[in-house]
Amino acid sequence: MAQVFAMNGDSLVYPHRFSDRWTEWGDLSQIYPDYVRPSYPSIPPLDFAMDVSKMRNVACYMSHSSTPNVLVQFILYDHNNLMFPHIMLFAMENIPPMRELSLDYGVADEWTGKLAICN
């Protein structure tokens, strides 16, 4: 089970521990029963941690939810090194104003706290 640190004074976020929920994004098999879901290329293990003790952004205030409205996506846009993707957040639905943004940290529901991701 994944754990994300940085909620209780710790300063490390481990990207490889996020849920693989991103594979559900854009799945057309619910609309087209004959649609064959592509097999996504596996990414190499992300064996690093981000130190967020000196720099954070608004993502540090996102709560955990087992039914999130935001997902984590690993993106390559200014280099081709699969070992160090950018971590970007995307809305999974239209989110009304003043609705809390939430992520699936990949942890048990009883885990509460806030996530921290550095720029």
Foldseek 3Di string as FASTA:
>chain_A
DADADDFPPAFKGQVLQFDPCVLVQPDCCVVPVPDDRDDDDDFPRQPDIDGPPPAWDPQQAAKADPDFQKEWDFADDPDDDSNDTDIDIDGSDDDDPPDGGHGHSNDDPVDIGGHTDGD
